[in-house]
Protein backbone atom coordinates (compact mmCIF):
# COMPACT_ATOMS: atom_id res chain seq x y z
CA MET A 1 111.83 67.90 87.85
CA LEU A 2 109.12 70.41 87.86
CA ALA A 3 106.77 70.73 90.77
CA GLY A 4 103.10 70.34 89.34
CA SER A 5 100.00 71.11 91.10
CA ALA A 6 99.18 67.25 92.31
CA SER A 7 102.15 67.85 94.51
CA ALA A 8 100.41 71.31 95.98
CA ARG A 9 99.44 70.72 99.35
CA ALA A 10 96.45 72.16 100.75
CA ALA A 11 95.15 73.65 104.24
CA GLU A 12 92.08 74.72 106.16
CA VAL A 13 92.78 78.11 108.14
CA THR A 14 90.92 79.11 110.72
CA GLY A 15 90.56 81.58 113.73
CA LYS A 16 89.87 84.41 115.85
CA LEU A 17 90.61 88.07 115.96
CA GLY A 18 90.17 90.78 118.61
CA TYR A 19 90.35 91.48 122.40
CA LEU A 20 87.03 89.70 123.03
CA SER A 21 87.28 87.31 119.45
CA GLU A 22 84.90 89.00 117.85
CA TRP A 23 86.23 87.91 114.50
CA GLU A 24 85.96 84.89 113.30
CA LEU A 25 88.40 84.10 110.16
CA THR A 26 87.71 81.12 107.81
CA GLY A 27 89.93 80.50 104.50
CA HIS A 28 91.40 78.13 102.42
CA VAL A 29 95.11 78.39 101.37
CA THR A 30 97.12 76.05 99.05
CA GLU A 31 100.96 75.51 98.85
CA ARG A 32 103.26 78.09 96.52
CA VAL A 33 107.17 76.80 96.49
CA SER A 34 109.36 79.63 95.06
CA GLY A 35 113.46 79.22 95.55
CA GLY A 36 113.08 76.22 97.74
CA LYS A 37 110.42 77.44 100.03
CA ALA A 38 107.12 76.88 100.58
CA GLU A 39 104.61 79.48 101.22
CA PHE A 40 100.56 78.94 101.55
CA ALA A 41 98.20 81.68 100.31
CA GLY A 42 94.50 81.73 99.52
CA PRO A 43 91.39 83.78 100.09
CA VAL A 44 89.75 84.49 103.45
CA THR A 45 86.32 85.80 105.27
CA VAL A 46 86.67 87.54 108.27
CA LYS A 47 83.00 88.11 110.45
CA HIS A 48 82.00 90.05 113.36
CA VAL A 49 80.11 87.57 115.85
CA GLY A 50 80.76 89.62 118.64
CA LEU A 51 77.72 91.77 120.52
CA CYS A 52 78.80 95.22 120.41
CA THR A 53 78.77 97.26 117.06
CA PRO A 54 82.26 96.67 114.84
CA GLY A 55 82.71 99.93 113.07
CA ARG A 56 83.71 98.27 110.19
CA PRO A 57 81.66 96.09 107.58
CA VAL A 58 80.50 92.91 109.46
CA GLU A 59 82.25 90.50 106.99
CA MET A 60 85.14 91.43 105.36
CA VAL A 61 87.11 89.33 102.27
CA GLY A 62 90.73 89.28 102.24
CA GLU A 63 93.65 86.84 101.71
CA ILE A 64 96.77 85.13 103.39
CA HIS A 65 100.19 84.21 102.64
CA TYR A 66 101.87 82.54 105.25
CA ARG A 67 104.97 80.32 105.87
CA VAL A 68 105.96 78.56 108.88
CA THR A 69 109.22 78.57 110.21
CA GLY A 70 111.20 77.18 113.07
CA LEU A 71 112.67 72.99 113.69
CA LEU A 72 112.31 73.20 117.98
CA THR A 73 109.44 75.72 117.60
CA ARG A 74 107.35 76.33 115.09
CA ARG A 75 106.29 79.70 114.10
CA LEU A 76 103.90 80.88 111.62
CA GLU A 77 105.06 84.27 109.42
CA ALA A 78 102.00 85.23 107.75
CA THR A 79 100.81 88.63 105.63
CA LEU A 80 96.78 89.33 106.27
CA VAL A 81 95.25 91.66 103.62
CA LEU A 82 91.53 93.14 104.99
CA ASP A 83 89.57 95.88 104.04
CA GLY A 84 92.40 96.91 101.69
CA THR A 85 94.91 97.22 104.65
CA GLN A 86 98.02 94.80 105.00
CA CYS A 87 98.92 93.69 107.95
CA GLY A 88 101.78 91.57 109.44
CA PHE A 89 101.57 88.98 111.79
CA GLU A 90 103.77 86.48 113.55
CA GLY A 91 102.82 83.30 116.38
CA LYS A 92 103.96 80.71 117.83
CA LEU A 93 102.37 77.24 118.04
CA ALA A 94 100.99 76.49 121.20
CA GLY A 95 97.70 74.73 119.90
CA SER A 96 97.23 77.63 117.41
CA TYR A 97 99.85 79.96 116.28
CA ASP A 98 98.85 82.98 118.48
CA GLY A 99 100.30 86.59 117.96
CA VAL A 100 99.07 90.50 117.20
CA LEU A 101 98.42 91.90 114.14
CA THR A 102 100.70 94.82 113.27
CA CYS A 103 99.47 97.60 110.78
CA SER A 104 98.13 101.11 111.32
CA GLN A 105 93.99 100.42 111.18
CA TRP A 106 94.36 96.74 113.17
CA ARG A 107 97.61 97.41 115.34
CA GLY A 108 98.15 95.13 118.63
CA ILE A 109 94.80 93.42 117.87
CA PRO A 110 95.14 89.53 119.34
CA VAL A 111 95.03 86.98 116.59
CA SER A 112 94.79 83.21 117.49
CA LEU A 113 94.74 80.56 114.11
CA ILE A 114 94.58 76.81 113.39
CA VAL A 115 96.24 75.49 110.06
CA LYS A 116 94.66 72.33 109.39
CA PRO A 117 95.56 70.22 106.27
CA SER A 118 92.86 69.36 103.97
CA GLU A 119 91.34 65.95 103.06
């Protein structure tokens, strides 16, 4: 049986980046199944909502790819591409997926993401 687009799930991704949550992330992702594993991917927008000047564009468009792992403890393993830089992110579910970015330009920046199925 072939998996068609009718069976693909969609989700809304929202969150905060930064030590003071000065960046707001929003996006819409859809499910892709490859090799029996589900991955979600889609475009995101990251907008500066803090008071200080960010030193980079106040709004950036990028993309996110992630998969949810773990049975007892849910984890989100993601790649976030922003401003041409690919960053890794792993977060443990505790109301939201909380962790830090791992890449040269955003190293150690806290991230908190919420994933909700689209209606």
